[in-house]
Amino acid sequence: MLTGLIGKKLGMTQVADAQGRVRAVTVVQLGPCLVSQLKTVPCDGYDAVQVTWGKKKLSRVNGAIRGHFKAAEIAPGLRTVEFERRGDAELKLGQPITVGEVFKPGDQVDVEGVSKGRGYAGVIRRHHFAGFPGSHGTHEYFRHGGSIGNRSYPGRVRKGLRMAGQLGNETATVLNLEVVEVLPEENAIVISGALPGPDGAVVVVEHAARPRRRASVVAANA
């Protein structure tokens, strides 16, 4: 059907697996997402399916976006993303895509979201610097970042130098998480581990681009 869906992070809990181990999981409400555009090679140069999730007030969108969604006869969504098409299933504009059509237990997924904003932070909290010694002559310089350059060469601060600044509030992706359970009636999915962002944040869940080989598969091939 598709390689992913858009949804909302509901929160974390824990479940017990078949071996009796307690696992930390995150519950995500995925979809239903509506098909807003079908892209094809003759028209757009590539195959893709654009889907939208949620509903936005018409007063908060401009005329171009309003006309784009009007062509599909659906309301403008809060988040719109393109996904690759999987399989030969026929899709049409306005069609709802549910979580059970895209994911199943055992799938590995990549989850993208916006991390929690932590405000302005120093180098120790932001980049895990060790800091300076707490004794032996260190004076008022315990949590500083150290030298940032030289006068003669390069005569400037290099780009990308790790310094104090905004921590969090940026796009983050967690790779190769396992789908523990799919709840079709609640349009929800249970994913192992933690996801970026606070409860209620919008996340994009896709099939893993580079899935990790499981230990059981490696042992069977040995």
N, C-alpha and C. Protein backbone atom coordinates (compact mmCIF):
# COMPACT_ATOMS: atom_id res chain seq x y z
N MET A 1 0.84 -1.20 0.00
CA MET A 1 0.00 0.00 0.00
C MET A 1 0.88 1.25 0.00
N LEU A 2 1.39 1.64 1.17
CA LEU A 2 2.28 2.78 1.30
C LEU A 2 3.45 2.39 2.21
N THR A 3 4.49 3.22 2.21
CA THR A 3 5.65 2.95 3.06
C THR A 3 5.52 3.58 4.44
N GLY A 4 4.51 4.40 4.68
CA GLY A 4 4.39 5.03 5.98
C GLY A 4 3.08 5.75 6.16
N LEU A 5 2.91 6.32 7.37
CA LEU A 5 1.71 7.08 7.71
C LEU A 5 2.07 8.21 8.66
N ILE A 6 1.15 9.14 8.83
CA ILE A 6 1.31 10.25 9.76
C ILE A 6 0.40 10.03 10.95
N GLY A 7 0.85 10.44 12.12
CA GLY A 7 0.02 10.25 13.31
C GLY A 7 0.43 11.14 14.45
N LYS A 8 -0.09 10.79 15.63
CA LYS A 8 0.14 11.58 16.83
C LYS A 8 0.64 10.68 17.94
N LYS A 9 1.70 11.12 18.62
CA LYS A 9 2.25 10.38 19.74
C LYS A 9 1.33 10.54 20.94
N LEU A 10 0.83 9.40 21.47
CA LEU A 10 -0.09 9.43 22.60
C LEU A 10 0.62 9.36 23.94
N GLY A 11 1.70 8.59 24.02
CA GLY A 11 2.42 8.47 25.28
C GLY A 11 3.10 7.12 25.40
N MET A 12 3.83 6.93 26.51
CA MET A 12 4.58 5.70 26.73
C MET A 12 3.91 4.84 27.79
N THR A 13 4.15 3.54 27.69
CA THR A 13 3.68 2.58 28.68
C THR A 13 4.62 1.38 28.62
N GLN A 14 4.23 0.28 29.20
CA GLN A 14 5.07 -0.92 29.14
C GLN A 14 4.19 -2.14 28.92
N VAL A 15 4.74 -3.12 28.22
CA VAL A 15 4.04 -4.37 27.94
C VAL A 15 5.00 -5.52 28.19
N ALA A 16 4.44 -6.72 28.37
CA ALA A 16 5.24 -7.93 28.56
C ALA A 16 5.20 -8.74 27.27
N ASP A 17 6.37 -9.22 26.82
CA ASP A 17 6.42 -10.01 25.60
C ASP A 17 6.20 -11.48 25.92
N ALA A 18 6.36 -12.34 24.90
CA ALA A 18 6.10 -13.77 25.06
C ALA A 18 7.05 -14.42 26.05
N GLN A 19 8.26 -13.86 26.21
CA GLN A 19 9.24 -14.42 27.16
C GLN A 19 9.07 -13.86 28.57
N GLY A 20 8.07 -13.00 28.77
CA GLY A 20 7.84 -12.43 30.09
C GLY A 20 8.66 -11.21 30.39
N ARG A 21 9.40 -10.69 29.42
CA ARG A 21 10.20 -9.50 29.63
C ARG A 21 9.34 -8.25 29.50
N VAL A 22 9.55 -7.29 30.37
CA VAL A 22 8.81 -6.03 30.32
C VAL A 22 9.54 -5.08 29.36
N ARG A 23 8.80 -4.54 28.39
CA ARG A 23 9.39 -3.67 27.38
C ARG A 23 8.72 -2.30 27.44
N ALA A 24 9.52 -1.25 27.33
CA ALA A 24 9.00 0.11 27.23
C ALA A 24 8.54 0.36 25.81
N VAL A 25 7.33 0.85 25.65
CA VAL A 25 6.76 1.07 24.32
C VAL A 25 6.09 2.44 24.27
N THR A 26 5.87 2.91 23.04
CA THR A 26 5.16 4.16 22.80
C THR A 26 3.95 3.87 21.93
N VAL A 27 2.81 4.44 22.32
CA VAL A 27 1.57 4.27 21.56
C VAL A 27 1.40 5.47 20.64
N VAL A 28 1.18 5.20 19.36
CA VAL A 28 1.01 6.26 18.36
C VAL A 28 -0.32 6.04 17.65
N GLN A 29 -1.10 7.10 17.56
CA GLN A 29 -2.35 7.04 16.80
C GLN A 29 -2.03 7.41 15.36
N LEU A 30 -2.12 6.45 14.46
CA LEU A 30 -1.76 6.64 13.06
C LEU A 30 -3.00 6.67 12.18
N GLY A 31 -3.18 7.77 11.48
CA GLY A 31 -4.29 7.85 10.55
C GLY A 31 -5.64 7.92 11.26
N PRO A 32 -6.71 7.71 10.48
CA PRO A 32 -6.62 7.44 9.05
C PRO A 32 -6.13 8.67 8.27
N CYS A 33 -5.22 8.41 7.33
CA CYS A 33 -4.68 9.45 6.46
C CYS A 33 -5.45 9.42 5.13
N LEU A 34 -5.70 10.59 4.58
CA LEU A 34 -6.45 10.70 3.33
C LEU A 34 -5.51 10.99 2.18
N VAL A 35 -5.73 10.34 1.05
CA VAL A 35 -4.93 10.56 -0.14
C VAL A 35 -5.28 11.92 -0.74
N SER A 36 -4.29 12.80 -0.82
CA SER A 36 -4.54 14.15 -1.33
C SER A 36 -3.98 14.36 -2.74
N GLN A 37 -3.04 13.50 -3.17
CA GLN A 37 -2.50 13.63 -4.52
C GLN A 37 -1.82 12.33 -4.92
N LEU A 38 -1.97 11.95 -6.19
CA LEU A 38 -1.30 10.78 -6.75
C LEU A 38 -0.31 11.26 -7.78
N LYS A 39 0.97 11.03 -7.54
CA LYS A 39 2.00 11.49 -8.47
C LYS A 39 2.45 10.32 -9.34
N THR A 40 2.60 10.58 -10.64
CA THR A 40 2.96 9.55 -11.60
C THR A 40 4.17 10.00 -12.41
N VAL A 41 4.81 9.04 -13.04
CA VAL A 41 6.01 9.33 -13.84
C VAL A 41 5.69 10.23 -15.03
N PRO A 42 4.63 9.98 -15.80
CA PRO A 42 4.37 10.87 -16.96
C PRO A 42 4.11 12.32 -16.56
N CYS A 43 3.49 12.53 -15.42
CA CYS A 43 3.09 13.89 -15.04
C CYS A 43 4.14 14.57 -14.15
N ASP A 44 4.69 13.82 -13.17
CA ASP A 44 5.57 14.43 -12.17
C ASP A 44 7.01 13.92 -12.23
N GLY A 45 7.25 12.87 -13.00
CA GLY A 45 8.60 12.35 -13.10
C GLY A 45 8.92 11.24 -12.12
N TYR A 46 8.02 10.93 -11.22
CA TYR A 46 8.24 9.85 -10.25
C TYR A 46 6.90 9.42 -9.68
N ASP A 47 6.88 8.23 -9.09
CA ASP A 47 5.67 7.68 -8.48
C ASP A 47 5.69 7.96 -6.99
N ALA A 48 4.60 8.49 -6.46
CA ALA A 48 4.48 8.74 -5.03
C ALA A 48 3.01 8.98 -4.70
N VAL A 49 2.70 8.84 -3.42
CA VAL A 49 1.35 9.09 -2.94
C VAL A 49 1.44 10.13 -1.83
N GLN A 50 0.74 11.23 -2.01
CA GLN A 50 0.72 12.29 -0.99
C GLN A 50 -0.51 12.08 -0.12
N VAL A 51 -0.29 12.01 1.19
CA VAL A 51 -1.39 11.83 2.13
C VAL A 51 -1.36 12.96 3.15
N THR A 52 -2.51 13.22 3.74
CA THR A 52 -2.61 14.27 4.74
C THR A 52 -3.30 13.72 5.98
N TRP A 53 -2.99 14.32 7.11
CA TRP A 53 -3.54 13.87 8.39
C TRP A 53 -4.07 15.07 9.16
N GLY A 54 -5.17 14.86 9.88
CA GLY A 54 -5.75 15.92 10.68
C GLY A 54 -6.59 16.86 9.82
N LYS A 55 -7.03 17.94 10.46
CA LYS A 55 -7.85 18.92 9.78
C LYS A 55 -7.48 20.31 10.27
N LYS A 56 -7.28 21.22 9.31
CA LYS A 56 -6.90 22.59 9.62
C LYS A 56 -8.05 23.53 9.24
N LYS A 57 -8.18 24.62 10.00
CA LYS A 57 -9.22 25.59 9.70
C LYS A 57 -8.96 26.25 8.34
N LEU A 58 -10.03 26.46 7.57
CA LEU A 58 -9.88 27.08 6.26
C LEU A 58 -9.32 28.50 6.37
N SER A 59 -9.59 29.15 7.50
CA SER A 59 -9.10 30.52 7.68
C SER A 59 -7.59 30.58 7.86
N ARG A 60 -6.95 29.42 8.07
CA ARG A 60 -5.52 29.39 8.32
C ARG A 60 -4.73 28.86 7.13
N VAL A 61 -5.36 28.73 5.97
CA VAL A 61 -4.66 28.28 4.77
C VAL A 61 -4.90 29.30 3.66
N ASN A 62 -3.93 29.42 2.75
CA ASN A 62 -4.08 30.36 1.64
C ASN A 62 -4.86 29.72 0.49
N GLY A 63 -5.09 30.50 -0.54
CA GLY A 63 -5.91 30.03 -1.65
C GLY A 63 -5.31 28.87 -2.41
N ALA A 64 -3.98 28.86 -2.55
CA ALA A 64 -3.33 27.77 -3.29
C ALA A 64 -3.51 26.43 -2.58
N ILE A 65 -3.29 26.42 -1.28
CA ILE A 65 -3.46 25.17 -0.52
C ILE A 65 -4.93 24.76 -0.51
N ARG A 66 -5.81 25.74 -0.39
CA ARG A 66 -7.24 25.43 -0.38
C ARG A 66 -7.66 24.78 -1.69
N GLY A 67 -7.14 25.30 -2.82
CA GLY A 67 -7.47 24.72 -4.10
C GLY A 67 -6.86 23.34 -4.30
N HIS A 68 -5.66 23.11 -3.73
CA HIS A 68 -5.00 21.81 -3.85
C HIS A 68 -5.84 20.72 -3.20
N PHE A 69 -6.35 21.00 -2.00
CA PHE A 69 -7.15 19.99 -1.30
C PHE A 69 -8.57 19.91 -1.85
N LYS A 70 -9.04 21.00 -2.45
CA LYS A 70 -10.37 20.97 -3.04
C LYS A 70 -10.43 20.00 -4.21
N ALA A 71 -9.31 19.87 -4.95
CA ALA A 71 -9.26 18.94 -6.08
C ALA A 71 -9.46 17.50 -5.63
N ALA A 72 -9.02 17.20 -4.39
CA ALA A 72 -9.21 15.85 -3.84
C ALA A 72 -10.48 15.73 -3.04
N GLU A 73 -11.23 16.85 -2.90
CA GLU A 73 -12.50 16.89 -2.18
C GLU A 73 -12.33 16.49 -0.71
N ILE A 74 -11.24 16.99 -0.10
CA ILE A 74 -11.00 16.77 1.32
C ILE A 74 -10.59 18.09 1.96
N ALA A 75 -10.66 18.14 3.28
CA ALA A 75 -10.29 19.35 4.01
C ALA A 75 -8.77 19.43 4.13
N PRO A 76 -8.20 20.65 4.20
CA PRO A 76 -6.74 20.77 4.40
C PRO A 76 -6.31 20.12 5.70
N GLY A 77 -5.18 19.38 5.66
CA GLY A 77 -4.71 18.66 6.82
C GLY A 77 -3.66 19.43 7.60
N LEU A 78 -3.39 18.94 8.81
CA LEU A 78 -2.36 19.54 9.65
C LEU A 78 -0.96 19.21 9.16
N ARG A 79 -0.78 18.03 8.59
CA ARG A 79 0.53 17.60 8.11
C ARG A 79 0.33 16.81 6.82
N THR A 80 1.12 17.10 5.82
CA THR A 80 1.03 16.43 4.53
C THR A 80 2.40 15.91 4.16
N VAL A 81 2.48 14.61 3.80
CA VAL A 81 3.75 13.96 3.50
C VAL A 81 3.57 13.04 2.29
N GLU A 82 4.64 12.88 1.52
CA GLU A 82 4.65 11.93 0.40
C GLU A 82 5.30 10.62 0.83
N PHE A 83 4.72 9.52 0.39
CA PHE A 83 5.27 8.19 0.65
C PHE A 83 5.36 7.42 -0.65
N GLU A 84 6.24 6.44 -0.67
CA GLU A 84 6.34 5.56 -1.83
C GLU A 84 5.16 4.58 -1.83
N ARG A 85 4.79 4.17 -3.03
CA ARG A 85 3.71 3.20 -3.18
C ARG A 85 4.28 1.79 -3.11
N ARG A 86 3.59 0.90 -2.42
CA ARG A 86 3.99 -0.51 -2.34
C ARG A 86 2.83 -1.36 -2.84
N GLY A 87 3.16 -2.31 -3.70
CA GLY A 87 2.12 -3.18 -4.24
C GLY A 87 1.39 -2.54 -5.40
N ASP A 88 0.37 -3.26 -5.88
CA ASP A 88 -0.39 -2.83 -7.05
C ASP A 88 -1.80 -2.41 -6.68
N ALA A 89 -2.06 -2.16 -5.40
CA ALA A 89 -3.41 -1.77 -4.99
C ALA A 89 -3.78 -0.42 -5.61
N GLU A 90 -5.02 -0.32 -6.07
CA GLU A 90 -5.48 0.91 -6.71
C GLU A 90 -5.85 1.94 -5.64
N LEU A 91 -5.39 3.15 -5.83
CA LEU A 91 -5.68 4.24 -4.91
C LEU A 91 -6.41 5.35 -5.65
N LYS A 92 -7.23 6.08 -4.92
CA LYS A 92 -7.95 7.21 -5.50
C LYS A 92 -7.93 8.37 -4.52
N LEU A 93 -8.16 9.58 -5.05
CA LEU A 93 -8.12 10.78 -4.23
C LEU A 93 -9.20 10.73 -3.16
N GLY A 94 -8.82 11.14 -1.95
CA GLY A 94 -9.77 11.14 -0.84
C GLY A 94 -9.89 9.82 -0.12
N GLN A 95 -9.20 8.78 -0.60
CA GLN A 95 -9.31 7.46 0.03
C GLN A 95 -8.60 7.44 1.38
N PRO A 96 -9.25 6.93 2.42
CA PRO A 96 -8.58 6.82 3.73
C PRO A 96 -7.65 5.61 3.78
N ILE A 97 -6.48 5.80 4.38
CA ILE A 97 -5.51 4.72 4.56
C ILE A 97 -5.38 4.47 6.05
N THR A 98 -5.65 3.25 6.49
CA THR A 98 -5.62 2.91 7.91
C THR A 98 -4.31 2.22 8.27
N VAL A 99 -4.07 2.14 9.57
CA VAL A 99 -2.80 1.60 10.05
C VAL A 99 -2.66 0.12 9.71
N GLY A 100 -3.77 -0.63 9.74
CA GLY A 100 -3.70 -2.06 9.46
C GLY A 100 -3.33 -2.38 8.03
N GLU A 101 -3.50 -1.43 7.11
CA GLU A 101 -3.15 -1.64 5.72
C GLU A 101 -1.67 -1.40 5.43
N VAL A 102 -0.96 -0.79 6.37
CA VAL A 102 0.43 -0.40 6.13
C VAL A 102 1.40 -1.17 7.01
N PHE A 103 1.03 -1.42 8.28
CA PHE A 103 1.96 -2.04 9.23
C PHE A 103 1.38 -3.32 9.80
N LYS A 104 2.30 -4.17 10.25
CA LYS A 104 1.92 -5.40 10.95
C LYS A 104 2.95 -5.66 12.05
N PRO A 105 2.59 -6.44 13.08
CA PRO A 105 3.55 -6.70 14.16
C PRO A 105 4.84 -7.33 13.65
N GLY A 106 5.97 -6.87 14.17
CA GLY A 106 7.27 -7.36 13.75
C GLY A 106 7.97 -6.49 12.75
N ASP A 107 7.26 -5.54 12.13
CA ASP A 107 7.90 -4.63 11.17
C ASP A 107 8.90 -3.72 11.89
N GLN A 108 9.95 -3.35 11.18
CA GLN A 108 10.89 -2.35 11.68
C GLN A 108 10.58 -1.00 11.03
N VAL A 109 10.55 0.05 11.84
CA VAL A 109 10.13 1.35 11.35
C VAL A 109 11.11 2.43 11.78
N ASP A 110 11.14 3.51 11.00
CA ASP A 110 11.86 4.74 11.35
C ASP A 110 10.81 5.79 11.70
N VAL A 111 11.02 6.49 12.80
CA VAL A 111 10.04 7.47 13.28
C VAL A 111 10.69 8.85 13.31
N GLU A 112 10.04 9.81 12.64
CA GLU A 112 10.54 11.18 12.57
C GLU A 112 9.60 12.12 13.33
N GLY A 113 10.18 13.01 14.11
CA GLY A 113 9.40 14.00 14.84
C GLY A 113 10.29 15.16 15.23
N VAL A 114 9.70 16.14 15.94
CA VAL A 114 10.43 17.29 16.43
C VAL A 114 10.70 17.08 17.92
N SER A 115 11.98 17.10 18.29
CA SER A 115 12.36 16.83 19.67
C SER A 115 11.90 17.94 20.60
N LYS A 116 11.84 17.64 21.88
CA LYS A 116 11.44 18.63 22.88
C LYS A 116 12.46 19.76 22.94
N GLY A 117 11.97 20.98 23.02
CA GLY A 117 12.85 22.13 23.15
C GLY A 117 13.32 22.31 24.58
N ARG A 118 14.64 22.43 24.78
CA ARG A 118 15.21 22.57 26.12
C ARG A 118 15.76 23.97 26.38
N GLY A 119 15.54 24.88 25.44
CA GLY A 119 16.02 26.24 25.64
C GLY A 119 17.51 26.39 25.36
N TYR A 120 18.07 27.50 25.83
CA TYR A 120 19.49 27.79 25.63
C TYR A 120 20.29 26.97 26.63
N ALA A 121 21.27 26.21 26.14
CA ALA A 121 22.05 25.32 27.00
C ALA A 121 23.53 25.48 26.72
N GLY A 122 24.34 25.19 27.72
CA GLY A 122 25.79 25.26 27.59
C GLY A 122 26.36 24.03 26.92
N VAL A 123 27.69 24.01 26.76
CA VAL A 123 28.33 22.93 26.01
C VAL A 123 28.29 21.60 26.76
N ILE A 124 28.24 21.64 28.09
CA ILE A 124 28.22 20.38 28.84
C ILE A 124 26.89 19.67 28.66
N ARG A 125 25.80 20.41 28.74
CA ARG A 125 24.49 19.78 28.57
C ARG A 125 24.19 19.52 27.10
N ARG A 126 24.60 20.42 26.23
CA ARG A 126 24.24 20.30 24.83
C ARG A 126 25.11 19.31 24.08
N HIS A 127 26.42 19.30 24.33
CA HIS A 127 27.34 18.44 23.59
C HIS A 127 28.10 17.45 24.48
N HIS A 128 27.75 17.39 25.76
CA HIS A 128 28.35 16.42 26.68
C HIS A 128 29.86 16.64 26.86
N PHE A 129 30.27 17.91 26.88
CA PHE A 129 31.66 18.19 27.18
C PHE A 129 31.96 17.77 28.63
N ALA A 130 33.23 17.45 28.89
CA ALA A 130 33.62 17.00 30.23
C ALA A 130 33.81 18.16 31.20
N GLY A 131 34.08 19.34 30.69
CA GLY A 131 34.37 20.46 31.57
C GLY A 131 35.82 20.44 32.02
N PHE A 132 36.19 21.43 32.84
CA PHE A 132 37.57 21.55 33.30
C PHE A 132 37.71 20.92 34.69
N PRO A 133 38.93 20.64 35.11
CA PRO A 133 39.13 20.03 36.42
C PRO A 133 38.54 20.89 37.54
N GLY A 134 38.06 20.24 38.56
CA GLY A 134 37.44 20.96 39.67
C GLY A 134 38.45 21.51 40.66
N SER A 135 39.73 21.27 40.44
CA SER A 135 40.77 21.76 41.36
C SER A 135 42.04 22.02 40.55
N HIS A 136 43.19 22.06 41.22
CA HIS A 136 44.49 22.22 40.56
C HIS A 136 44.55 23.50 39.73
N GLY A 137 44.11 24.60 40.29
CA GLY A 137 44.31 25.89 39.66
C GLY A 137 43.22 26.37 38.75
N THR A 138 42.19 25.58 38.49
CA THR A 138 41.09 26.05 37.64
C THR A 138 40.35 27.17 38.37
N HIS A 139 40.16 28.30 37.69
CA HIS A 139 39.56 29.45 38.35
C HIS A 139 38.46 30.04 37.47
N GLU A 140 37.21 29.91 37.92
CA GLU A 140 36.05 30.48 37.24
C GLU A 140 35.95 30.00 35.79
N TYR A 141 36.33 28.78 35.51
CA TYR A 141 36.33 28.28 34.14
C TYR A 141 35.97 26.80 34.14
N PHE A 142 34.99 26.44 34.96
CA PHE A 142 34.69 25.02 35.14
C PHE A 142 33.83 24.43 34.03
N ARG A 143 32.87 25.20 33.52
CA ARG A 143 31.92 24.68 32.54
C ARG A 143 32.02 25.38 31.19
N HIS A 144 33.18 25.96 30.90
CA HIS A 144 33.36 26.66 29.62
C HIS A 144 33.72 25.66 28.51
N GLY A 145 33.66 26.15 27.27
CA GLY A 145 33.92 25.29 26.13
C GLY A 145 35.37 25.25 25.69
N GLY A 146 36.19 26.13 26.23
CA GLY A 146 37.60 26.14 25.83
C GLY A 146 37.84 27.05 24.64
N SER A 147 39.00 26.90 24.02
CA SER A 147 39.39 27.74 22.89
C SER A 147 38.50 27.47 21.68
N ILE A 148 38.18 28.52 20.93
CA ILE A 148 37.34 28.37 19.73
C ILE A 148 38.11 28.72 18.46
N GLY A 149 39.42 29.03 18.54
CA GLY A 149 40.18 29.32 17.34
C GLY A 149 41.47 30.06 17.68
N ASN A 150 42.25 30.44 16.65
CA ASN A 150 43.50 31.18 16.81
C ASN A 150 43.42 32.50 16.06
N ARG A 151 44.30 33.44 16.45
CA ARG A 151 44.30 34.74 15.79
C ARG A 151 44.89 34.67 14.39
N SER A 152 46.05 34.02 14.25
CA SER A 152 46.73 34.02 12.96
C SER A 152 46.09 33.06 11.97
N TYR A 153 45.82 31.84 12.41
CA TYR A 153 45.19 30.86 11.53
C TYR A 153 44.23 30.00 12.35
N PRO A 154 43.00 29.82 11.95
CA PRO A 154 42.41 30.33 10.70
C PRO A 154 41.94 31.78 10.79
N GLY A 155 42.10 32.42 11.94
CA GLY A 155 41.68 33.81 12.03
C GLY A 155 40.18 34.00 12.09
N ARG A 156 39.45 32.93 12.34
CA ARG A 156 37.99 32.99 12.41
C ARG A 156 37.51 31.76 13.18
N VAL A 157 36.24 31.72 13.46
CA VAL A 157 35.63 30.55 14.10
C VAL A 157 35.10 29.63 13.00
N ARG A 158 35.55 28.40 12.99
CA ARG A 158 35.15 27.46 11.94
C ARG A 158 33.66 27.15 12.04
N LYS A 159 33.06 26.90 10.90
CA LYS A 159 31.65 26.53 10.85
C LYS A 159 31.43 25.18 11.52
N GLY A 160 30.32 25.06 12.22
CA GLY A 160 29.98 23.80 12.86
C GLY A 160 30.66 23.57 14.20
N LEU A 161 31.40 24.56 14.70
CA LEU A 161 32.07 24.38 15.99
C LEU A 161 31.02 24.22 17.09
N ARG A 162 31.21 23.24 17.94
CA ARG A 162 30.25 22.96 19.00
C ARG A 162 30.34 24.02 20.09
N MET A 163 29.26 24.75 20.28
CA MET A 163 29.22 25.82 21.24
C MET A 163 27.86 25.81 21.94
N ALA A 164 27.67 26.71 22.90
CA ALA A 164 26.39 26.83 23.57
C ALA A 164 25.33 27.33 22.59
N GLY A 165 24.08 26.96 22.82
CA GLY A 165 23.01 27.41 21.93
C GLY A 165 21.72 26.66 22.20
N GLN A 166 20.81 26.74 21.23
CA GLN A 166 19.50 26.11 21.36
C GLN A 166 19.65 24.58 21.42
N LEU A 167 19.02 23.98 22.42
CA LEU A 167 19.05 22.53 22.59
C LEU A 167 17.66 21.97 22.31
N GLY A 168 17.59 21.01 21.40
CA GLY A 168 16.31 20.41 21.05
C GLY A 168 15.52 21.26 20.08
N ASN A 169 14.22 20.98 19.99
CA ASN A 169 13.31 21.68 19.07
C ASN A 169 13.82 21.59 17.64
N GLU A 170 14.25 20.41 17.22
CA GLU A 170 14.71 20.18 15.86
C GLU A 170 14.27 18.80 15.41
N THR A 171 14.24 18.60 14.11
CA THR A 171 13.80 17.33 13.55
C THR A 171 14.75 16.21 13.95
N ALA A 172 14.19 15.13 14.49
CA ALA A 172 14.99 13.98 14.91
C ALA A 172 14.32 12.71 14.40
N THR A 173 15.14 11.73 14.03
CA THR A 173 14.64 10.45 13.53
C THR A 173 15.26 9.31 14.32
N VAL A 174 14.41 8.42 14.82
CA VAL A 174 14.86 7.23 15.53
C VAL A 174 14.70 6.04 14.59
N LEU A 175 15.78 5.27 14.40
CA LEU A 175 15.81 4.22 13.38
C LEU A 175 15.56 2.84 13.96
N ASN A 176 14.98 1.99 13.12
CA ASN A 176 14.88 0.55 13.36
C ASN A 176 14.21 0.20 14.68
N LEU A 177 13.05 0.79 14.92
CA LEU A 177 12.23 0.40 16.05
C LEU A 177 11.25 -0.70 15.61
N GLU A 178 10.84 -1.52 16.55
CA GLU A 178 9.98 -2.67 16.22
C GLU A 178 8.52 -2.37 16.51
N VAL A 179 7.66 -2.77 15.60
CA VAL A 179 6.22 -2.68 15.82
C VAL A 179 5.80 -3.85 16.70
N VAL A 180 5.39 -3.56 17.92
CA VAL A 180 5.02 -4.62 18.87
C VAL A 180 3.59 -5.09 18.64
N GLU A 181 2.70 -4.14 18.38
CA GLU A 181 1.28 -4.49 18.23
C GLU A 181 0.59 -3.44 17.37
N VAL A 182 -0.41 -3.89 16.62
CA VAL A 182 -1.24 -3.00 15.81
C VAL A 182 -2.66 -3.09 16.34
N LEU A 183 -3.27 -1.92 16.60
CA LEU A 183 -4.63 -1.85 17.13
C LEU A 183 -5.53 -1.20 16.07
N PRO A 184 -6.10 -1.98 15.15
CA PRO A 184 -6.87 -1.40 14.03
C PRO A 184 -8.10 -0.63 14.49
N GLU A 185 -8.77 -1.13 15.53
CA GLU A 185 -10.01 -0.47 15.96
C GLU A 185 -9.75 0.93 16.52
N GLU A 186 -8.59 1.12 17.17
CA GLU A 186 -8.23 2.42 17.72
C GLU A 186 -7.35 3.25 16.77
N ASN A 187 -7.09 2.70 15.57
CA ASN A 187 -6.17 3.36 14.63
C ASN A 187 -4.84 3.68 15.31
N ALA A 188 -4.32 2.72 16.07
CA ALA A 188 -3.12 2.95 16.86
C ALA A 188 -2.11 1.85 16.59
N ILE A 189 -0.87 2.17 16.94
CA ILE A 189 0.24 1.23 16.78
C ILE A 189 1.13 1.35 18.02
N VAL A 190 1.65 0.22 18.46
CA VAL A 190 2.53 0.16 19.64
C VAL A 190 3.95 -0.10 19.15
N ILE A 191 4.85 0.84 19.43
CA ILE A 191 6.23 0.78 18.94
C ILE A 191 7.18 0.67 20.12
N SER A 192 8.17 -0.18 20.02
CA SER A 192 9.14 -0.35 21.08
C SER A 192 10.03 0.88 21.22
N GLY A 193 10.36 1.23 22.47
CA GLY A 193 11.29 2.33 22.70
C GLY A 193 10.60 3.68 22.75
N ALA A 194 11.42 4.73 22.78
CA ALA A 194 10.95 6.11 22.90
C ALA A 194 10.99 6.81 21.56
N LEU A 195 10.11 7.78 21.38
CA LEU A 195 10.02 8.56 20.15
C LEU A 195 10.28 10.03 20.45
N PRO A 196 10.75 10.79 19.46
CA PRO A 196 11.02 12.22 19.70
C PRO A 196 9.73 13.00 19.90
N GLY A 197 9.84 14.06 20.72
CA GLY A 197 8.72 14.97 20.92
C GLY A 197 7.90 14.66 22.14
N PRO A 198 7.07 15.61 22.58
CA PRO A 198 6.20 15.41 23.74
C PRO A 198 4.96 14.62 23.36
N ASP A 199 4.16 14.25 24.35
CA ASP A 199 2.87 13.62 24.07
C ASP A 199 1.99 14.58 23.29
N GLY A 200 1.35 14.07 22.25
CA GLY A 200 0.54 14.90 21.38
C GLY A 200 1.26 15.44 20.17
N ALA A 201 2.57 15.18 20.07
CA ALA A 201 3.34 15.67 18.93
C ALA A 201 3.02 14.86 17.67
N VAL A 202 3.13 15.51 16.52
CA VAL A 202 2.92 14.85 15.24
C VAL A 202 4.19 14.11 14.84
N VAL A 203 4.06 12.84 14.45
CA VAL A 203 5.20 12.03 14.04
C VAL A 203 4.89 11.36 12.72
N VAL A 204 5.96 11.02 11.99
CA VAL A 204 5.85 10.29 10.73
C VAL A 204 6.52 8.94 10.91
N VAL A 205 5.76 7.87 10.69
CA VAL A 205 6.26 6.50 10.87
C VAL A 205 6.36 5.85 9.50
N GLU A 206 7.57 5.38 9.16
CA GLU A 206 7.82 4.74 7.87
C GLU A 206 8.49 3.40 8.08
N HIS A 207 8.33 2.51 7.11
CA HIS A 207 9.09 1.27 7.12
C HIS A 207 10.58 1.60 7.07
N ALA A 208 11.39 0.85 7.83
CA ALA A 208 12.80 1.15 7.97
C ALA A 208 13.49 1.17 6.60
N ALA A 209 14.28 2.21 6.37
CA ALA A 209 15.01 2.32 5.11
C ALA A 209 16.13 1.29 5.04
N ARG A 210 16.78 1.04 6.18
CA ARG A 210 17.85 0.04 6.26
C ARG A 210 17.58 -0.84 7.47
N PRO A 211 16.68 -1.82 7.36
CA PRO A 211 16.31 -2.63 8.52
C PRO A 211 17.49 -3.41 9.08
N ARG A 212 17.48 -3.55 10.39
CA ARG A 212 18.55 -4.25 11.07
C ARG A 212 18.27 -5.75 11.07
N ARG A 213 19.31 -6.54 10.85
CA ARG A 213 19.15 -8.00 10.86
C ARG A 213 18.99 -8.47 12.29
N ARG A 214 17.96 -9.28 12.53
CA ARG A 214 17.70 -9.78 13.87
C ARG A 214 18.65 -10.91 14.21
N ALA A 215 18.86 -11.11 15.51
CA ALA A 215 19.79 -12.15 15.95
C ALA A 215 19.31 -13.54 15.55
N SER A 216 17.98 -13.74 15.58
CA SER A 216 17.44 -15.07 15.23
C SER A 216 17.71 -15.39 13.76
N VAL A 217 17.61 -14.37 12.89
CA VAL A 217 17.86 -14.58 11.48
C VAL A 217 19.33 -14.90 11.23
N VAL A 218 20.22 -14.18 11.93
CA VAL A 218 21.65 -14.42 11.79
C VAL A 218 22.00 -15.83 12.24
N ALA A 219 21.40 -16.27 13.37
CA ALA A 219 21.69 -17.60 13.91
C ALA A 219 21.18 -18.69 12.96
N ALA A 220 20.03 -18.45 12.33
CA ALA A 220 19.48 -19.46 11.41
C ALA A 220 20.35 -19.61 10.16
N ASN A 221 20.97 -18.53 9.73
CA ASN A 221 21.80 -18.59 8.53
C ASN A 221 23.22 -19.09 8.82
N ALA A 222 23.58 -19.15 10.09
CA ALA A 222 24.94 -19.57 10.45
C ALA A 222 25.12 -21.07 10.25
